[in-house]
Amino acid sequence: MTDRTSEPHSGADPAPESPAPTADTSAGPGPRQELAAGAVLAGLSLFALFWLIPNHTGEATSDHEVAPGFFPQVAAGALLVLSLLLVGHRLIRFRKLRSIRPATGGFAVLTEIAILAAGTLVVAWALGAAGYLVVAPAMMAAGLLAGGERRWWAIGLVIAGMTAATWFGADLLFGVQLP
């Protein structure tokens, strides 16, 4: 057998061991903020399911028609399930997360939800005042720009395609005239 210590040394030292990974406190909201956001979203979806949608949508006019409140109820139900899953997940993992990440950010998540809620009210008002064909392209452009898209031809193509598809789709499939 050969002795490895007598072999020539290449001069390269082994890589030093890296320190154990730590949680980055600037990576996002902490467990408390996520619990609060999940609870607020669950409350808003319950509000939509039990008061907003039933009081502001009509009934189906025939047996073969989809009721106007069906898709909003599906969306609010999905939001309720997902927000309850978020709350449950954070409650289960809260102690473990608390040990690796200190409390962060104050109520940044609640502030973001308040800003989004105010934006939703502005969009709802603008839909009635200016109409879908004005508000939808502006909202899509804002979303695409916020998402990092900078090619104007792509933004224009998405806006034109989605606006036309939803405008004609709502009319042809559901018989709904968008505002």
N, C-alpha and C. Protein backbone atom coordinates (compact mmCIF):
# COMPACT_ATOMS: atom_id res chain seq x y z
N MET A 1 0.83 -1.17 0.00
CA MET A 1 0.00 0.00 0.00
C MET A 1 0.88 1.23 0.00
N THR A 2 0.37 2.25 -0.59
CA THR A 2 1.14 3.49 -0.63
C THR A 2 0.68 4.41 0.47
N ASP A 3 1.62 5.18 0.92
CA ASP A 3 1.31 6.16 1.96
C ASP A 3 0.95 7.47 1.30
N ARG A 4 -0.23 7.99 1.55
CA ARG A 4 -0.70 9.22 0.89
C ARG A 4 0.08 10.44 1.35
N THR A 5 0.68 10.39 2.49
CA THR A 5 1.43 11.56 2.95
C THR A 5 2.72 11.73 2.20
N SER A 6 3.20 10.69 1.53
CA SER A 6 4.45 10.81 0.81
C SER A 6 4.25 11.26 -0.64
N GLU A 7 2.98 11.36 -1.08
CA GLU A 7 2.72 11.80 -2.45
C GLU A 7 2.98 13.29 -2.55
N PRO A 8 3.35 13.76 -3.74
CA PRO A 8 3.60 15.19 -3.89
C PRO A 8 2.33 15.99 -3.66
N HIS A 9 2.48 17.16 -3.06
CA HIS A 9 1.36 18.04 -2.74
C HIS A 9 1.16 19.02 -3.88
N SER A 10 -0.07 19.19 -4.33
CA SER A 10 -0.34 20.05 -5.48
C SER A 10 -0.28 21.53 -5.14
N GLY A 11 -0.28 21.86 -3.89
CA GLY A 11 -0.22 23.26 -3.49
C GLY A 11 -1.58 23.86 -3.25
N ALA A 12 -2.63 23.18 -3.63
CA ALA A 12 -3.98 23.70 -3.43
C ALA A 12 -4.49 23.23 -2.08
N ASP A 13 -4.83 24.17 -1.25
CA ASP A 13 -5.38 23.82 0.05
C ASP A 13 -6.85 23.45 -0.12
N PRO A 14 -7.34 22.58 0.72
CA PRO A 14 -8.77 22.27 0.62
C PRO A 14 -9.60 23.52 0.94
N ALA A 15 -10.77 23.57 0.35
CA ALA A 15 -11.64 24.73 0.56
C ALA A 15 -12.04 24.83 2.02
N PRO A 16 -11.98 26.03 2.57
CA PRO A 16 -12.39 26.17 3.97
C PRO A 16 -13.88 25.91 4.11
N GLU A 17 -14.25 25.39 5.24
CA GLU A 17 -15.66 25.12 5.46
C GLU A 17 -16.41 26.43 5.58
N SER A 18 -17.53 26.51 4.86
CA SER A 18 -18.32 27.74 4.92
C SER A 18 -19.17 27.71 6.18
N PRO A 19 -19.49 28.90 6.71
CA PRO A 19 -20.33 28.93 7.91
C PRO A 19 -21.73 28.44 7.58
N ALA A 20 -22.42 28.01 8.59
CA ALA A 20 -23.79 27.51 8.42
C ALA A 20 -24.67 28.62 7.86
N PRO A 21 -25.57 28.29 6.93
CA PRO A 21 -26.44 29.33 6.38
C PRO A 21 -27.37 29.90 7.45
N THR A 22 -27.56 31.19 7.36
CA THR A 22 -28.46 31.86 8.30
C THR A 22 -29.60 32.49 7.51
N ALA A 23 -30.67 32.73 8.18
CA ALA A 23 -31.83 33.35 7.53
C ALA A 23 -31.55 34.82 7.31
N ASP A 24 -31.89 35.31 6.15
CA ASP A 24 -31.74 36.72 5.83
C ASP A 24 -32.99 37.46 6.30
N THR A 25 -32.81 38.39 7.22
CA THR A 25 -33.98 39.09 7.77
C THR A 25 -34.62 40.03 6.77
N SER A 26 -33.95 40.35 5.69
CA SER A 26 -34.55 41.24 4.69
C SER A 26 -35.23 40.45 3.57
N ALA A 27 -35.34 39.14 3.73
CA ALA A 27 -35.89 38.29 2.68
C ALA A 27 -37.39 38.44 2.51
N GLY A 28 -38.08 38.96 3.47
CA GLY A 28 -39.52 39.09 3.32
C GLY A 28 -40.18 39.26 4.67
N PRO A 29 -41.50 39.18 4.67
CA PRO A 29 -42.22 39.38 5.93
C PRO A 29 -41.96 38.24 6.91
N GLY A 30 -42.05 38.57 8.17
CA GLY A 30 -41.86 37.57 9.21
C GLY A 30 -43.13 36.78 9.46
N PRO A 31 -43.06 35.79 10.34
CA PRO A 31 -44.22 34.94 10.61
C PRO A 31 -45.42 35.73 11.15
N ARG A 32 -45.17 36.72 11.97
CA ARG A 32 -46.30 37.49 12.51
C ARG A 32 -47.03 38.25 11.42
N GLN A 33 -46.27 38.83 10.50
CA GLN A 33 -46.90 39.56 9.41
C GLN A 33 -47.67 38.63 8.48
N GLU A 34 -47.12 37.43 8.25
CA GLU A 34 -47.82 36.48 7.40
C GLU A 34 -49.08 35.96 8.08
N LEU A 35 -49.03 35.76 9.39
CA LEU A 35 -50.24 35.37 10.13
C LEU A 35 -51.30 36.46 10.03
N ALA A 36 -50.87 37.71 10.21
CA ALA A 36 -51.82 38.82 10.13
C ALA A 36 -52.39 38.95 8.73
N ALA A 37 -51.54 38.81 7.71
CA ALA A 37 -52.02 38.91 6.33
C ALA A 37 -53.01 37.79 6.02
N GLY A 38 -52.71 36.57 6.46
CA GLY A 38 -53.63 35.46 6.23
C GLY A 38 -54.96 35.67 6.92
N ALA A 39 -54.92 36.19 8.15
CA ALA A 39 -56.16 36.44 8.88
C ALA A 39 -56.99 37.54 8.20
N VAL A 40 -56.32 38.61 7.76
CA VAL A 40 -57.04 39.70 7.09
C VAL A 40 -57.65 39.21 5.78
N LEU A 41 -56.88 38.45 5.00
CA LEU A 41 -57.41 37.93 3.74
C LEU A 41 -58.56 36.95 3.96
N ALA A 42 -58.47 36.13 5.01
CA ALA A 42 -59.58 35.22 5.31
C ALA A 42 -60.83 36.02 5.68
N GLY A 43 -60.66 37.07 6.47
CA GLY A 43 -61.80 37.93 6.82
C GLY A 43 -62.41 38.60 5.61
N LEU A 44 -61.56 39.11 4.71
CA LEU A 44 -62.07 39.77 3.51
C LEU A 44 -62.80 38.78 2.60
N SER A 45 -62.28 37.55 2.50
CA SER A 45 -62.96 36.58 1.65
C SER A 45 -64.30 36.16 2.26
N LEU A 46 -64.37 36.04 3.57
CA LEU A 46 -65.66 35.74 4.22
C LEU A 46 -66.65 36.88 4.01
N PHE A 47 -66.17 38.11 4.11
CA PHE A 47 -67.00 39.29 3.86
C PHE A 47 -67.55 39.24 2.43
N ALA A 48 -66.68 38.90 1.47
CA ALA A 48 -67.11 38.83 0.08
C ALA A 48 -68.09 37.69 -0.14
N LEU A 49 -67.83 36.54 0.46
CA LEU A 49 -68.70 35.38 0.25
C LEU A 49 -70.09 35.55 0.85
N PHE A 50 -70.15 36.15 2.03
CA PHE A 50 -71.44 36.18 2.73
C PHE A 50 -72.20 37.50 2.63
N TRP A 51 -71.54 38.58 2.20
CA TRP A 51 -72.29 39.82 2.09
C TRP A 51 -72.12 40.47 0.72
N LEU A 52 -70.89 40.69 0.30
CA LEU A 52 -70.64 41.47 -0.90
C LEU A 52 -71.20 40.81 -2.16
N ILE A 53 -70.84 39.57 -2.40
CA ILE A 53 -71.27 38.89 -3.63
C ILE A 53 -72.78 38.63 -3.65
N PRO A 54 -73.37 38.09 -2.57
CA PRO A 54 -74.81 37.85 -2.63
C PRO A 54 -75.65 39.13 -2.77
N ASN A 55 -75.18 40.24 -2.19
CA ASN A 55 -75.96 41.48 -2.25
C ASN A 55 -75.73 42.30 -3.50
N HIS A 56 -74.70 41.98 -4.29
CA HIS A 56 -74.39 42.81 -5.45
C HIS A 56 -74.36 42.03 -6.77
N THR A 57 -74.83 40.80 -6.75
CA THR A 57 -74.96 40.05 -8.01
C THR A 57 -76.38 39.51 -8.10
N GLY A 58 -76.80 39.29 -9.31
CA GLY A 58 -78.16 38.80 -9.53
C GLY A 58 -78.20 37.29 -9.63
N GLU A 59 -79.37 36.79 -9.89
CA GLU A 59 -79.58 35.35 -10.06
C GLU A 59 -79.52 35.00 -11.54
N ALA A 60 -79.33 33.73 -11.84
CA ALA A 60 -79.35 33.26 -13.22
C ALA A 60 -80.76 33.42 -13.77
N THR A 61 -80.89 33.80 -15.03
CA THR A 61 -82.21 34.01 -15.63
C THR A 61 -82.81 32.74 -16.19
N SER A 62 -81.98 31.70 -16.40
CA SER A 62 -82.51 30.42 -16.87
C SER A 62 -81.72 29.29 -16.21
N ASP A 63 -82.20 28.07 -16.41
CA ASP A 63 -81.54 26.92 -15.81
C ASP A 63 -80.20 26.60 -16.48
N HIS A 64 -79.98 27.07 -17.69
CA HIS A 64 -78.77 26.75 -18.45
C HIS A 64 -77.76 27.88 -18.43
N GLU A 65 -77.93 28.83 -17.57
CA GLU A 65 -77.04 29.99 -17.51
C GLU A 65 -76.24 29.95 -16.21
N VAL A 66 -75.02 30.42 -16.27
CA VAL A 66 -74.19 30.53 -15.08
C VAL A 66 -74.59 31.80 -14.35
N ALA A 67 -74.80 31.67 -13.05
CA ALA A 67 -75.20 32.83 -12.25
C ALA A 67 -74.06 33.85 -12.23
N PRO A 68 -74.37 35.15 -12.23
CA PRO A 68 -73.33 36.17 -12.24
C PRO A 68 -72.39 36.10 -11.03
N GLY A 69 -72.84 35.55 -9.92
CA GLY A 69 -71.99 35.49 -8.74
C GLY A 69 -71.14 34.23 -8.65
N PHE A 70 -71.24 33.33 -9.64
CA PHE A 70 -70.53 32.06 -9.55
C PHE A 70 -69.02 32.24 -9.52
N PHE A 71 -68.46 32.94 -10.50
CA PHE A 71 -67.01 33.08 -10.57
C PHE A 71 -66.45 33.93 -9.43
N PRO A 72 -67.11 35.01 -9.02
CA PRO A 72 -66.61 35.70 -7.83
C PRO A 72 -66.64 34.81 -6.59
N GLN A 73 -67.64 33.96 -6.46
CA GLN A 73 -67.69 33.05 -5.32
C GLN A 73 -66.56 32.03 -5.38
N VAL A 74 -66.25 31.55 -6.56
CA VAL A 74 -65.13 30.61 -6.71
C VAL A 74 -63.82 31.30 -6.32
N ALA A 75 -63.63 32.53 -6.78
CA ALA A 75 -62.41 33.26 -6.45
C ALA A 75 -62.32 33.55 -4.96
N ALA A 76 -63.41 33.97 -4.35
CA ALA A 76 -63.40 34.26 -2.91
C ALA A 76 -63.22 32.98 -2.11
N GLY A 77 -63.80 31.88 -2.56
CA GLY A 77 -63.60 30.60 -1.88
C GLY A 77 -62.16 30.14 -1.97
N ALA A 78 -61.54 30.29 -3.13
CA ALA A 78 -60.13 29.93 -3.28
C ALA A 78 -59.25 30.81 -2.39
N LEU A 79 -59.57 32.10 -2.32
CA LEU A 79 -58.82 33.00 -1.44
C LEU A 79 -58.98 32.59 0.02
N LEU A 80 -60.17 32.19 0.41
CA LEU A 80 -60.40 31.75 1.79
C LEU A 80 -59.57 30.50 2.11
N VAL A 81 -59.59 29.52 1.21
CA VAL A 81 -58.83 28.29 1.44
C VAL A 81 -57.34 28.59 1.52
N LEU A 82 -56.82 29.39 0.58
CA LEU A 82 -55.39 29.68 0.57
C LEU A 82 -54.97 30.50 1.79
N SER A 83 -55.79 31.45 2.20
CA SER A 83 -55.42 32.25 3.37
C SER A 83 -55.46 31.41 4.65
N LEU A 84 -56.43 30.48 4.75
CA LEU A 84 -56.45 29.58 5.91
C LEU A 84 -55.27 28.63 5.90
N LEU A 85 -54.85 28.20 4.71
CA LEU A 85 -53.65 27.36 4.62
C LEU A 85 -52.41 28.14 5.05
N LEU A 86 -52.33 29.42 4.67
CA LEU A 86 -51.21 30.25 5.10
C LEU A 86 -51.18 30.40 6.61
N VAL A 87 -52.32 30.68 7.20
CA VAL A 87 -52.40 30.82 8.66
C VAL A 87 -52.02 29.50 9.33
N GLY A 88 -52.56 28.40 8.86
CA GLY A 88 -52.25 27.10 9.45
C GLY A 88 -50.77 26.75 9.32
N HIS A 89 -50.21 27.01 8.15
CA HIS A 89 -48.79 26.72 7.93
C HIS A 89 -47.92 27.55 8.85
N ARG A 90 -48.25 28.81 9.00
CA ARG A 90 -47.44 29.68 9.86
C ARG A 90 -47.62 29.33 11.33
N LEU A 91 -48.81 28.90 11.72
CA LEU A 91 -48.99 28.50 13.12
C LEU A 91 -48.18 27.24 13.44
N ILE A 92 -48.11 26.33 12.50
CA ILE A 92 -47.35 25.10 12.72
C ILE A 92 -45.85 25.40 12.77
N ARG A 93 -45.36 26.25 11.90
CA ARG A 93 -43.93 26.50 11.81
C ARG A 93 -43.47 27.74 12.56
N PHE A 94 -44.35 28.39 13.30
CA PHE A 94 -44.02 29.67 13.93
C PHE A 94 -42.83 29.56 14.88
N ARG A 95 -42.81 28.56 15.75
CA ARG A 95 -41.73 28.42 16.73
C ARG A 95 -40.40 28.20 16.03
N LYS A 96 -40.38 27.34 15.01
CA LYS A 96 -39.14 27.07 14.29
C LYS A 96 -38.66 28.32 13.57
N LEU A 97 -39.55 29.03 12.90
CA LEU A 97 -39.16 30.25 12.19
C LEU A 97 -38.70 31.32 13.16
N ARG A 98 -39.31 31.40 14.31
CA ARG A 98 -38.94 32.41 15.29
C ARG A 98 -37.51 32.20 15.77
N SER A 99 -37.06 30.95 15.82
CA SER A 99 -35.71 30.68 16.30
C SER A 99 -34.65 31.05 15.27
N ILE A 100 -34.98 31.03 13.96
CA ILE A 100 -33.96 31.36 12.97
C ILE A 100 -34.09 32.78 12.43
N ARG A 101 -35.23 33.42 12.62
CA ARG A 101 -35.39 34.78 12.10
C ARG A 101 -36.04 35.64 13.17
N PRO A 102 -35.39 36.72 13.55
CA PRO A 102 -36.02 37.59 14.54
C PRO A 102 -37.21 38.32 13.93
N ALA A 103 -37.99 38.93 14.78
CA ALA A 103 -39.15 39.69 14.31
C ALA A 103 -38.68 40.78 13.34
N THR A 104 -39.41 40.95 12.24
CA THR A 104 -38.99 41.91 11.21
C THR A 104 -40.11 42.87 10.87
N GLY A 105 -39.75 44.01 10.43
CA GLY A 105 -40.55 44.93 9.67
C GLY A 105 -41.77 45.62 10.23
N GLY A 106 -42.19 45.41 11.43
CA GLY A 106 -43.40 46.09 11.89
C GLY A 106 -44.62 45.57 11.18
N PHE A 107 -45.50 46.46 10.73
CA PHE A 107 -46.71 46.00 10.04
C PHE A 107 -46.67 46.37 8.56
N ALA A 108 -45.54 46.03 7.92
CA ALA A 108 -45.38 46.31 6.49
C ALA A 108 -46.39 45.55 5.64
N VAL A 109 -46.71 44.32 6.02
CA VAL A 109 -47.66 43.53 5.24
C VAL A 109 -49.05 44.15 5.32
N LEU A 110 -49.45 44.57 6.51
CA LEU A 110 -50.77 45.19 6.65
C LEU A 110 -50.83 46.51 5.89
N THR A 111 -49.73 47.25 5.85
CA THR A 111 -49.69 48.48 5.07
C THR A 111 -49.85 48.17 3.59
N GLU A 112 -49.19 47.11 3.13
CA GLU A 112 -49.30 46.73 1.73
C GLU A 112 -50.73 46.30 1.40
N ILE A 113 -51.37 45.56 2.29
CA ILE A 113 -52.75 45.15 2.06
C ILE A 113 -53.67 46.38 2.03
N ALA A 114 -53.42 47.35 2.90
CA ALA A 114 -54.23 48.57 2.90
C ALA A 114 -54.06 49.34 1.60
N ILE A 115 -52.84 49.41 1.09
CA ILE A 115 -52.59 50.10 -0.18
C ILE A 115 -53.29 49.37 -1.32
N LEU A 116 -53.20 48.02 -1.34
CA LEU A 116 -53.88 47.26 -2.38
C LEU A 116 -55.40 47.39 -2.29
N ALA A 117 -55.93 47.44 -1.06
CA ALA A 117 -57.38 47.62 -0.89
C ALA A 117 -57.81 48.99 -1.41
N ALA A 118 -57.02 50.02 -1.11
CA ALA A 118 -57.34 51.36 -1.62
C ALA A 118 -57.26 51.38 -3.14
N GLY A 119 -56.26 50.71 -3.70
CA GLY A 119 -56.15 50.61 -5.15
C GLY A 119 -57.33 49.90 -5.77
N THR A 120 -57.83 48.87 -5.10
CA THR A 120 -59.01 48.15 -5.58
C THR A 120 -60.23 49.05 -5.60
N LEU A 121 -60.39 49.86 -4.57
CA LEU A 121 -61.51 50.80 -4.54
C LEU A 121 -61.40 51.83 -5.66
N VAL A 122 -60.18 52.30 -5.93
CA VAL A 122 -59.97 53.26 -7.01
C VAL A 122 -60.30 52.62 -8.36
N VAL A 123 -59.86 51.38 -8.55
CA VAL A 123 -60.15 50.69 -9.81
C VAL A 123 -61.65 50.46 -9.95
N ALA A 124 -62.32 50.06 -8.88
CA ALA A 124 -63.77 49.85 -8.94
C ALA A 124 -64.49 51.15 -9.30
N TRP A 125 -64.06 52.25 -8.72
CA TRP A 125 -64.66 53.54 -9.05
C TRP A 125 -64.37 53.90 -10.50
N ALA A 126 -63.11 53.70 -10.93
CA ALA A 126 -62.72 54.07 -12.30
C ALA A 126 -63.45 53.22 -13.34
N LEU A 127 -63.74 51.95 -13.02
CA LEU A 127 -64.49 51.13 -13.97
C LEU A 127 -65.87 51.73 -14.23
N GLY A 128 -66.50 52.23 -13.19
CA GLY A 128 -67.81 52.86 -13.38
C GLY A 128 -67.71 54.21 -14.07
N ALA A 129 -66.64 54.94 -13.78
CA ALA A 129 -66.50 56.30 -14.33
C ALA A 129 -65.96 56.29 -15.76
N ALA A 130 -64.91 55.52 -16.02
CA ALA A 130 -64.25 55.57 -17.33
C ALA A 130 -64.55 54.36 -18.20
N GLY A 131 -64.84 53.21 -17.58
CA GLY A 131 -65.15 52.02 -18.36
C GLY A 131 -63.99 51.05 -18.45
N TYR A 132 -64.34 49.84 -18.83
CA TYR A 132 -63.37 48.75 -18.88
C TYR A 132 -62.27 49.00 -19.90
N LEU A 133 -62.63 49.51 -21.07
CA LEU A 133 -61.65 49.69 -22.14
C LEU A 133 -60.60 50.75 -21.81
N VAL A 134 -60.81 51.56 -20.81
CA VAL A 134 -59.81 52.54 -20.37
C VAL A 134 -59.02 52.01 -19.17
N VAL A 135 -59.73 51.41 -18.22
CA VAL A 135 -59.11 50.99 -16.96
C VAL A 135 -58.28 49.72 -17.14
N ALA A 136 -58.80 48.73 -17.86
CA ALA A 136 -58.09 47.45 -18.00
C ALA A 136 -56.72 47.60 -18.64
N PRO A 137 -56.58 48.33 -19.76
CA PRO A 137 -55.24 48.48 -20.33
C PRO A 137 -54.27 49.22 -19.39
N ALA A 138 -54.79 50.21 -18.66
CA ALA A 138 -53.92 50.92 -17.72
C ALA A 138 -53.44 50.01 -16.60
N MET A 139 -54.35 49.18 -16.08
CA MET A 139 -53.97 48.25 -15.01
C MET A 139 -53.00 47.18 -15.53
N MET A 140 -53.23 46.67 -16.72
CA MET A 140 -52.32 45.67 -17.27
C MET A 140 -50.95 46.27 -17.53
N ALA A 141 -50.90 47.49 -18.04
CA ALA A 141 -49.61 48.13 -18.27
C ALA A 141 -48.87 48.35 -16.96
N ALA A 142 -49.58 48.78 -15.93
CA ALA A 142 -48.95 48.97 -14.62
C ALA A 142 -48.44 47.64 -14.07
N GLY A 143 -49.20 46.59 -14.22
CA GLY A 143 -48.76 45.28 -13.73
C GLY A 143 -47.55 44.75 -14.49
N LEU A 144 -47.57 44.89 -15.80
CA LEU A 144 -46.43 44.43 -16.60
C LEU A 144 -45.18 45.24 -16.30
N LEU A 145 -45.31 46.54 -16.15
CA LEU A 145 -44.15 47.37 -15.82
C LEU A 145 -43.63 47.05 -14.42
N ALA A 146 -44.53 46.83 -13.48
CA ALA A 146 -44.11 46.47 -12.13
C ALA A 146 -43.45 45.09 -12.12
N GLY A 147 -43.85 44.22 -13.01
CA GLY A 147 -43.26 42.89 -13.11
C GLY A 147 -41.93 42.87 -13.84
N GLY A 148 -41.50 43.99 -14.39
CA GLY A 148 -40.19 44.06 -15.01
C GLY A 148 -40.19 44.03 -16.52
N GLU A 149 -41.34 43.98 -17.14
CA GLU A 149 -41.38 43.96 -18.61
C GLU A 149 -41.08 45.35 -19.14
N ARG A 150 -40.13 45.45 -20.08
CA ARG A 150 -39.75 46.76 -20.62
C ARG A 150 -39.89 46.85 -22.14
N ARG A 151 -40.27 45.75 -22.78
CA ARG A 151 -40.44 45.77 -24.24
C ARG A 151 -41.85 46.27 -24.54
N TRP A 152 -41.94 47.44 -25.16
CA TRP A 152 -43.22 48.08 -25.40
C TRP A 152 -44.09 47.27 -26.35
N TRP A 153 -43.48 46.60 -27.33
CA TRP A 153 -44.27 45.79 -28.25
C TRP A 153 -44.92 44.63 -27.51
N ALA A 154 -44.22 44.03 -26.54
CA ALA A 154 -44.80 42.92 -25.77
C ALA A 154 -45.92 43.42 -24.86
N ILE A 155 -45.70 44.57 -24.25
CA ILE A 155 -46.73 45.16 -23.40
C ILE A 155 -47.98 45.46 -24.22
N GLY A 156 -47.81 46.06 -25.38
CA GLY A 156 -48.94 46.38 -26.25
C GLY A 156 -49.66 45.14 -26.73
N LEU A 157 -48.91 44.10 -27.06
CA LEU A 157 -49.51 42.85 -27.53
C LEU A 157 -50.33 42.18 -26.43
N VAL A 158 -49.79 42.13 -25.22
CA VAL A 158 -50.51 41.53 -24.09
C VAL A 158 -51.77 42.34 -23.78
N ILE A 159 -51.63 43.66 -23.74
CA ILE A 159 -52.78 44.51 -23.43
C ILE A 159 -53.88 44.36 -24.48
N ALA A 160 -53.51 44.42 -25.75
CA ALA A 160 -54.51 44.31 -26.81
C ALA A 160 -55.17 42.94 -26.80
N GLY A 161 -54.38 41.89 -26.66
CA GLY A 161 -54.93 40.54 -26.68
C GLY A 161 -55.84 40.26 -25.49
N MET A 162 -55.38 40.60 -24.30
CA MET A 162 -56.17 40.32 -23.10
C MET A 162 -57.42 41.19 -23.03
N THR A 163 -57.31 42.46 -23.41
CA THR A 163 -58.48 43.33 -23.39
C THR A 163 -59.53 42.84 -24.38
N ALA A 164 -59.11 42.50 -25.58
CA ALA A 164 -60.06 42.00 -26.58
C ALA A 164 -60.66 40.67 -26.14
N ALA A 165 -59.82 39.77 -25.61
CA ALA A 165 -60.32 38.45 -25.19
C ALA A 165 -61.34 38.58 -24.07
N THR A 166 -61.07 39.40 -23.08
CA THR A 166 -62.03 39.53 -21.98
C THR A 166 -63.27 40.30 -22.40
N TRP A 167 -63.10 41.32 -23.22
CA TRP A 167 -64.25 42.12 -23.66
C TRP A 167 -65.22 41.27 -24.47
N PHE A 168 -64.70 40.58 -25.51
CA PHE A 168 -65.56 39.77 -26.35
C PHE A 168 -65.95 38.47 -25.66
N GLY A 169 -65.06 37.91 -24.85
CA GLY A 169 -65.37 36.67 -24.13
C GLY A 169 -66.50 36.86 -23.14
N ALA A 170 -66.49 37.97 -22.41
CA ALA A 170 -67.57 38.24 -21.46
C ALA A 170 -68.89 38.40 -22.19
N ASP A 171 -68.85 39.03 -23.35
CA ASP A 171 -70.09 39.24 -24.11
C ASP A 171 -70.57 37.95 -24.77
N LEU A 172 -69.68 37.24 -25.44
CA LEU A 172 -70.10 36.06 -26.19
C LEU A 172 -70.37 34.86 -25.28
N LEU A 173 -69.54 34.63 -24.28
CA LEU A 173 -69.70 33.44 -23.43
C LEU A 173 -70.75 33.62 -22.34
N PHE A 174 -70.75 34.80 -21.72
CA PHE A 174 -71.61 34.99 -20.55
C PHE A 174 -72.72 35.99 -20.77
N GLY A 175 -72.72 36.67 -21.90
CA GLY A 175 -73.75 37.66 -22.17
C GLY A 175 -73.66 38.87 -21.25
N VAL A 176 -72.45 39.20 -20.80
CA VAL A 176 -72.25 40.30 -19.87
C VAL A 176 -71.56 41.44 -20.61
N GLN A 177 -72.16 42.60 -20.58
CA GLN A 177 -71.54 43.80 -21.14
C GLN A 177 -70.66 44.44 -20.07
N LEU A 178 -69.36 44.48 -20.30
CA LEU A 178 -68.47 45.11 -19.32
C LEU A 178 -68.68 46.62 -19.33
N PRO A 179 -68.47 47.27 -18.20
CA PRO A 179 -68.75 48.71 -18.12
C PRO A 179 -67.88 49.53 -19.04
